[in-house]
Each structure stands twice: as C-alpha cells, then as structure tokens.
Protein backbone atom coordinates (compact mmCIF):
# COMPACT_ATOMS: atom_id res chain seq x y z
CA UNK A 1 50.16 -76.84 -1.37
CA UNK A 2 46.83 -75.77 -0.55
CA UNK A 3 48.28 -74.19 3.07
CA UNK A 4 50.96 -72.14 0.76
CA UNK A 5 48.06 -70.99 -1.51
CA UNK A 6 46.28 -70.05 1.36
CA UNK A 7 49.22 -68.22 3.16
CA UNK A 8 49.70 -66.55 -0.17
CA UNK A 9 46.33 -65.69 -0.58
CA UNK A 10 46.03 -64.15 2.96
CA UNK A 11 48.96 -61.89 2.60
CA UNK A 12 47.68 -60.53 -0.82
CA UNK A 13 44.26 -60.08 0.78
CA UNK A 14 46.13 -58.04 3.73
CA UNK A 15 48.04 -56.41 1.05
CA UNK A 16 44.95 -55.35 -0.82
CA UNK A 17 43.60 -54.05 2.46
CA UNK A 18 46.30 -52.14 3.45
CA UNK A 19 46.23 -50.38 0.15
CA UNK A 20 42.63 -49.85 0.28
CA UNK A 21 43.23 -48.21 3.71
CA UNK A 22 45.91 -45.78 2.43
CA UNK A 23 43.75 -44.94 -0.75
CA UNK A 24 40.88 -44.09 1.92
CA UNK A 25 42.76 -42.05 3.90
CA UNK A 26 44.44 -40.13 1.27
CA UNK A 27 41.07 -39.34 -0.41
CA UNK A 28 39.81 -38.31 2.95
CA UNK A 29 42.52 -36.00 3.49
CA UNK A 30 41.73 -34.54 0.00
CA UNK A 31 38.39 -34.11 1.10
CA UNK A 32 39.24 -32.20 4.30
CA UNK A 33 41.36 -30.23 2.45
CA UNK A 34 39.00 -29.19 -0.48
CA UNK A 35 36.17 -28.83 2.23
CA UNK A 36 38.49 -26.14 4.30
CA UNK A 37 39.25 -24.50 1.09
CA UNK A 38 35.55 -24.08 0.32
CA UNK A 39 34.98 -22.70 3.83
CA UNK A 40 37.81 -20.30 3.98
CA UNK A 41 36.80 -18.92 0.48
CA UNK A 42 33.04 -18.61 1.87
CA UNK A 43 33.51 -17.57 5.02
CA UNK A 44 36.12 -15.19 4.99
CA UNK A 45 34.83 -11.59 4.89
CA UNK A 46 36.51 -8.18 4.59
CA UNK A 47 39.02 -7.03 7.18
CA UNK A 48 37.11 -4.59 9.73
CA UNK A 49 40.25 -2.48 9.67
CA UNK A 50 39.99 -1.82 5.86
CA UNK A 51 36.42 -1.15 6.03
CA UNK A 52 36.27 1.20 8.96
CA UNK A 53 38.76 4.17 8.56
CA UNK A 54 39.01 7.67 8.57
CA UNK A 55 37.38 9.83 5.50
CA UNK A 56 40.00 10.23 2.63
CA UNK A 57 41.64 13.70 2.45
CA UNK A 58 39.56 14.41 -0.79
CA UNK A 59 36.42 14.09 1.43
CA UNK A 60 38.27 16.54 3.59
CA UNK A 61 38.54 18.82 1.24
CA UNK A 62 35.51 18.52 -0.26
CA UNK A 63 33.77 19.39 3.07
CA UNK A 64 35.83 22.09 4.07
CA UNK A 65 34.16 24.84 1.99
CA UNK A 66 30.99 24.29 4.09
CA UNK A 67 30.84 26.14 7.17
CA UNK A 68 27.85 25.60 9.72
CA UNK A 69 25.98 28.30 11.65
CA UNK A 70 24.76 27.00 15.05
CA UNK A 71 21.13 27.38 15.76
CA UNK A 72 19.45 27.15 19.04
CA UNK A 73 15.93 25.86 19.14
CA UNK A 74 15.99 22.61 17.05
CA UNK A 75 14.15 20.02 18.22
CA UNK A 76 16.80 18.08 17.62
CA UNK A 77 20.60 18.81 17.97
CA UNK A 78 22.60 18.08 14.66
CA UNK A 79 25.45 15.61 15.17
CA UNK A 80 28.62 16.41 13.73
CA UNK A 81 28.45 13.51 11.51
CA UNK A 82 25.13 14.52 9.67
CA UNK A 83 26.76 18.06 9.41
CA UNK A 84 29.33 16.32 7.33
CA UNK A 85 27.34 14.36 5.44
CA UNK A 86 24.77 17.05 4.84
CA UNK A 87 27.52 19.17 3.72
CA UNK A 88 28.93 16.80 1.40
CA UNK A 89 25.95 16.15 -0.04
CA UNK A 90 25.31 19.59 -0.91
CA UNK A 91 28.58 20.03 -2.26
CA UNK A 92 28.29 17.01 -4.33
CA UNK A 93 25.10 17.65 -5.55
CA UNK A 94 26.16 21.51 -6.70
CA UNK A 95 28.95 19.76 -8.45
CA UNK A 96 26.64 17.24 -10.01
CA UNK A 97 24.89 20.28 -11.93
CA UNK A 98 28.33 21.76 -12.76
CA UNK A 99 29.18 18.67 -14.31
CA UNK A 100 25.82 18.31 -16.06
CA UNK A 101 26.13 21.79 -17.48
CA UNK A 102 29.64 21.57 -18.72
CA UNK A 103 30.32 17.80 -19.67
CA UNK A 104 26.87 16.52 -20.11
CA UNK A 105 27.02 14.05 -17.69
CA UNK A 106 23.71 13.72 -15.65
CA UNK A 107 24.36 10.79 -13.55
CA UNK A 108 24.96 12.85 -10.72
CA UNK A 109 21.70 14.50 -10.58
CA UNK A 110 19.71 11.43 -10.18
CA UNK A 111 22.15 10.71 -7.30
CA UNK A 112 22.11 13.57 -5.18
CA UNK A 113 18.52 15.31 -5.98
CA UNK A 114 14.83 13.72 -5.54
CA UNK A 115 11.59 14.61 -6.01
CA UNK A 116 10.84 18.33 -7.08
CA UNK A 117 14.91 19.42 -6.80
CA UNK A 118 15.77 16.48 -9.24
CA UNK A 119 13.43 18.15 -12.06
CA UNK A 120 14.41 21.33 -11.42
CA UNK A 121 18.00 20.58 -11.66
CA UNK A 122 17.07 18.72 -15.00
CA UNK A 123 15.21 21.73 -16.15
CA UNK A 124 18.42 24.03 -14.94
CA UNK A 125 20.96 22.31 -16.90
CA UNK A 126 18.67 21.97 -20.23
CA UNK A 127 18.07 25.63 -19.85
CA UNK A 128 21.62 26.54 -19.32
CA UNK A 129 23.00 24.63 -22.41
CA UNK A 130 26.82 24.69 -22.53
CA UNK A 131 27.23 27.91 -20.81
CA UNK A 132 29.74 27.66 -17.62
CA UNK A 133 28.12 26.94 -14.57
CA UNK A 134 29.33 28.92 -11.43
CA UNK A 135 32.02 28.15 -9.40
CA UNK A 136 30.89 28.35 -5.71
CA UNK A 137 34.18 28.17 -3.45
CA UNK A 138 32.35 29.15 0.31
CA UNK A 139 28.81 27.45 1.71
CA UNK A 140 27.37 28.61 5.04
CA UNK A 141 24.56 26.42 5.89
CA UNK A 142 22.29 27.45 8.83
CA UNK A 143 19.77 24.84 9.62
CA UNK A 144 16.17 25.84 10.64
CA UNK A 145 14.62 22.50 10.90
CA UNK A 146 15.81 18.71 11.92
CA UNK A 147 13.36 16.35 12.24
CA UNK A 148 13.11 14.44 15.49
CA UNK A 149 13.60 11.14 13.51
CA UNK A 150 16.97 12.76 11.76
CA UNK A 151 15.39 12.02 8.33
CA UNK A 152 14.71 15.72 7.36
CA UNK A 153 17.05 19.00 7.42
CA UNK A 154 15.96 22.31 6.28
CA UNK A 155 18.09 25.20 6.06
CA UNK A 156 19.28 28.42 4.59
CA UNK A 157 22.53 28.00 2.70
CA UNK A 158 24.52 31.33 1.86
CA UNK A 159 27.07 30.48 -1.05
CA UNK A 160 29.60 32.49 -2.60
CA UNK A 161 31.31 32.08 -6.31
CA UNK A 162 34.99 32.58 -6.61
CA UNK A 163 34.08 35.87 -8.33
CA UNK A 164 32.71 36.81 -4.91
CA UNK A 165 28.95 36.79 -5.79
CA UNK A 166 26.84 35.75 -3.09
CA UNK A 167 23.50 33.35 -3.51
CA UNK A 168 21.19 32.65 -0.91
CA UNK A 169 18.98 29.35 -1.10
CA UNK A 170 16.92 27.72 1.08
CA UNK A 171 16.80 23.82 0.79
CA UNK A 172 14.98 21.13 2.34
CA UNK A 173 17.24 17.59 2.41
CA UNK A 174 15.98 14.15 2.72
CA UNK A 175 17.60 11.11 4.16
CA UNK A 176 16.67 8.40 2.01
CA UNK A 177 19.11 4.60 1.79
CA UNK A 178 21.19 6.23 3.62
CA UNK A 179 22.44 9.07 1.77
CA UNK A 180 21.07 12.66 2.09
CA UNK A 181 19.60 14.25 -1.06
CA UNK A 182 18.28 17.39 -2.14
CA UNK A 183 14.52 17.50 -1.85
CA UNK A 184 13.60 20.99 -2.57
CA UNK A 185 15.58 23.80 -3.27
CA UNK A 186 14.40 27.44 -3.52
CA UNK A 187 16.62 30.48 -4.69
CA UNK A 188 15.63 33.50 -1.75
CA UNK A 189 18.39 36.23 -3.08
C-alpha cells in the first residue's frame, strides 16, 4: 500500500509541477506582452512624414503679399527660408496689432514684438482705442543689413493699404527662440 501511495503521491507532484510550470509560462507571456506594450507606447514618436511637410496654403497666402527687393552688398546673402520666415513674422506682427485694436486681443503683440517695438505696439493700441486699423494689402521689403550669424535683419518696408495709401517704415528683426520678432520699428514716411 505504501507503494501505491508513493506512486499516487509522485503523480500528484508531477501534476502540481506541470500546473506550476504552465502558470509560470502564462505569467511570463503576460509580463512580456505588458512590457512590449509599455515600450511601444513610450518609444513611438511622431511620423516624420506628418511633421516635415510643405507649408499650408494659409501660410502661403499670408506671405504672398510680401515682396522682397534684392540688394547686393549684404555681408551675408538672405536665404529664401529666411525671407519666408521674416515676411511671415512681419505680416503676423501687423495682424497682431490690428487684432489688438479691433478685438482687444493683445496676445499676438507679445509673440511678434520684443524690446522697444513691443512697448510701441502696446502704446499704439492704447492710443487707437476702437478706431479701425488700416488694412495693409502689400508689403515690399528691402533689406539693408543681415548679420553674419543670421540673427539680425534690418530692412526698409514699404507697405500699401487697401485704400492705396503708402507708408514707409524701417524695422529691425531679431531671431529669438527660433522665431523672428520685430525689435525696433520706425516710421520714416
């Protein structure tokens, strides 16, 4: 009888061992699946095709009103991407002032202006009250200085309102935090 008990006990131990191994394998597979899911969730980044794309049509329309005059003699040639970015910053800065005057939203002034030009833009908005701002339809930019490090651009800007009134300003743009901002702005005519 002890042999039968011993054999039954051995079968029971084998059965428990098989069940224990099966549970360990299942738990290991679950652990691997959870670990894989965590790794996939934390290491999957943006698809470069979604990030690196052509500018949207709104951006192109925004800068289409900006024309650049070629100037020889700059210490550094003006890259097309810089022309696009500065032109966009110029149009957006003017739009920010217009929006601040007409709608009271001054957020754009903090984004597109810095230094003395920021203070001047805020003062202009306060002096204008709710009077409509001019609507500029054309902007012609003539650079006179572009720094070797590519962070300072000085330009004369001739702008024309929708009603045909011309205006001439001199602007200093500074590249900060990857964005061009109007640092100084002087009306010359």
